[in-house]
Amino acid sequence: MPFTAIVMYPNEADIHFDEDYYMKTHMPLVEKTWKKYGLANWHVTKFPNALDGSRSEYLIMATLEWDSQEALQTALKDPASANVFSDIPNFTNKKPITLAGGKL
């Protein structure tokens, strides 16, 4: 059953986020590391503003679509996954919020 992982970066006043690095280096690293485990697709959305025009709570959201929950869990156990997580300080000073779940 398809499974989704969400990675969101808080849009706090002091956020530094290198979008160019993120899209050209980090996300290809994510794909290279996890595709073999069932990462079927990914996309990134930017949220500079909330619906009411105020500053959004989160600036960037990556949506990772997996073949299954088990595929995601297996990918996270790969020692190469450490490279994905250790790359985060190269593009942001914020700790991401992560969610995972399946469709109802």
Protein backbone atom coordinates (compact mmCIF):
# COMPACT_ATOMS: atom_id res chain seq x y z
CA MET A 1 0.00 0.00 0.00
CA PRO A 2 1.42 3.47 -0.88
CA PHE A 3 2.92 5.38 2.01
CA THR A 4 3.87 9.05 2.34
CA ALA A 5 6.61 10.76 4.34
CA ILE A 6 6.50 14.54 4.82
CA VAL A 7 9.52 16.66 5.79
CA MET A 8 8.71 20.27 6.76
CA TYR A 9 11.08 23.09 7.62
CA PRO A 10 9.86 25.72 10.15
CA ASN A 11 9.53 29.23 8.72
CA GLU A 12 11.01 30.99 11.74
CA ALA A 13 12.34 34.56 11.51
CA ASP A 14 15.99 33.43 11.60
CA ILE A 15 15.67 30.60 9.05
CA HIS A 16 18.41 30.15 6.51
CA PHE A 17 17.38 27.87 3.65
CA ASP A 18 19.48 27.41 0.50
CA GLU A 19 16.82 26.38 -2.00
CA ASP A 20 19.32 25.93 -4.83
CA TYR A 21 21.44 23.48 -2.80
CA TYR A 22 18.33 21.70 -1.57
CA MET A 23 16.92 21.09 -5.04
CA LYS A 24 20.20 20.43 -6.89
CA THR A 25 22.16 18.49 -4.27
CA HIS A 26 20.09 17.31 -1.31
CA MET A 27 17.00 15.99 -3.06
CA PRO A 28 19.05 14.11 -5.69
CA LEU A 29 20.97 12.56 -2.76
CA VAL A 30 17.64 11.51 -1.23
CA GLU A 31 16.54 9.94 -4.52
CA LYS A 32 19.88 8.19 -5.14
CA THR A 33 19.97 6.79 -1.60
CA TRP A 34 16.38 5.63 -1.29
CA LYS A 35 15.02 4.91 -4.78
CA LYS A 36 16.31 1.33 -4.64
CA TYR A 37 14.17 0.79 -1.53
CA GLY A 38 10.89 1.91 -3.04
CA LEU A 39 10.95 5.70 -3.09
CA ALA A 40 8.51 6.06 -5.95
CA ASN A 41 8.29 9.85 -6.26
CA TRP A 42 9.03 13.10 -4.50
CA HIS A 43 8.15 16.76 -4.84
CA VAL A 44 8.85 19.96 -2.94
CA THR A 45 6.41 22.76 -2.13
CA LYS A 46 7.29 26.25 -0.85
CA PHE A 47 4.88 28.03 1.52
CA PRO A 48 6.05 31.64 2.06
CA ASN A 49 2.56 32.68 3.21
CA ALA A 50 -0.47 31.18 4.92
CA LEU A 51 -3.91 31.44 3.29
CA ASP A 52 -4.61 34.67 5.15
CA GLY A 53 -1.38 36.23 3.83
CA SER A 54 0.52 35.98 7.11
CA ARG A 55 3.88 34.26 7.40
CA SER A 56 3.38 30.51 7.09
CA GLU A 57 4.38 28.18 9.90
CA TYR A 58 6.49 26.08 7.51
CA LEU A 59 8.55 27.33 4.56
CA ILE A 60 9.43 24.15 2.66
CA MET A 61 7.70 20.77 2.54
CA ALA A 62 9.09 17.71 0.81
CA THR A 63 6.62 14.93 0.05
CA LEU A 64 8.21 11.49 -0.40
CA GLU A 65 5.97 8.81 -1.86
CA TRP A 66 6.92 5.23 -1.04
CA ASP A 67 5.75 1.85 -2.29
CA SER A 68 4.93 0.86 1.29
CA GLN A 69 5.59 1.64 4.94
CA GLU A 70 7.98 -1.31 5.01
CA ALA A 71 9.96 0.19 2.10
CA LEU A 72 10.46 3.41 4.06
CA GLN A 73 11.49 1.56 7.19
CA THR A 74 14.00 -0.54 5.24
CA ALA A 75 15.46 2.57 3.58
CA LEU A 76 15.95 4.28 6.93
CA LYS A 77 17.97 1.28 8.17
CA ASP A 78 20.50 1.60 5.32
CA PRO A 79 23.76 3.07 6.70
CA ALA A 80 23.79 5.46 3.70
CA SER A 81 20.71 7.15 5.16
CA ALA A 82 23.05 8.84 7.64
CA ASN A 83 24.42 10.86 4.69
CA VAL A 84 20.94 12.17 3.92
CA PHE A 85 20.42 13.39 7.48
CA SER A 86 23.94 14.74 7.96
CA ASP A 87 23.49 16.86 4.82
CA ILE A 88 20.71 18.97 6.40
CA PRO A 89 23.06 21.60 7.94
CA ASN A 90 24.44 22.24 4.44
CA PHE A 91 21.18 23.95 3.42
CA THR A 92 19.34 25.03 6.58
CA ASN A 93 19.80 25.97 10.20
CA LYS A 94 16.44 24.44 11.20
CA LYS A 95 15.55 20.95 12.34
CA PRO A 96 12.84 19.46 10.11
CA ILE A 97 9.52 18.18 11.34
CA THR A 98 8.71 14.74 9.91
CA LEU A 99 5.43 12.90 9.45
CA ALA A 100 4.61 9.57 7.86
CA GLY A 101 1.32 7.92 6.99
CA GLY A 102 -0.92 6.24 4.49
CA LYS A 103 -4.13 7.20 2.75
CA LEU A 104 -7.44 6.49 4.41
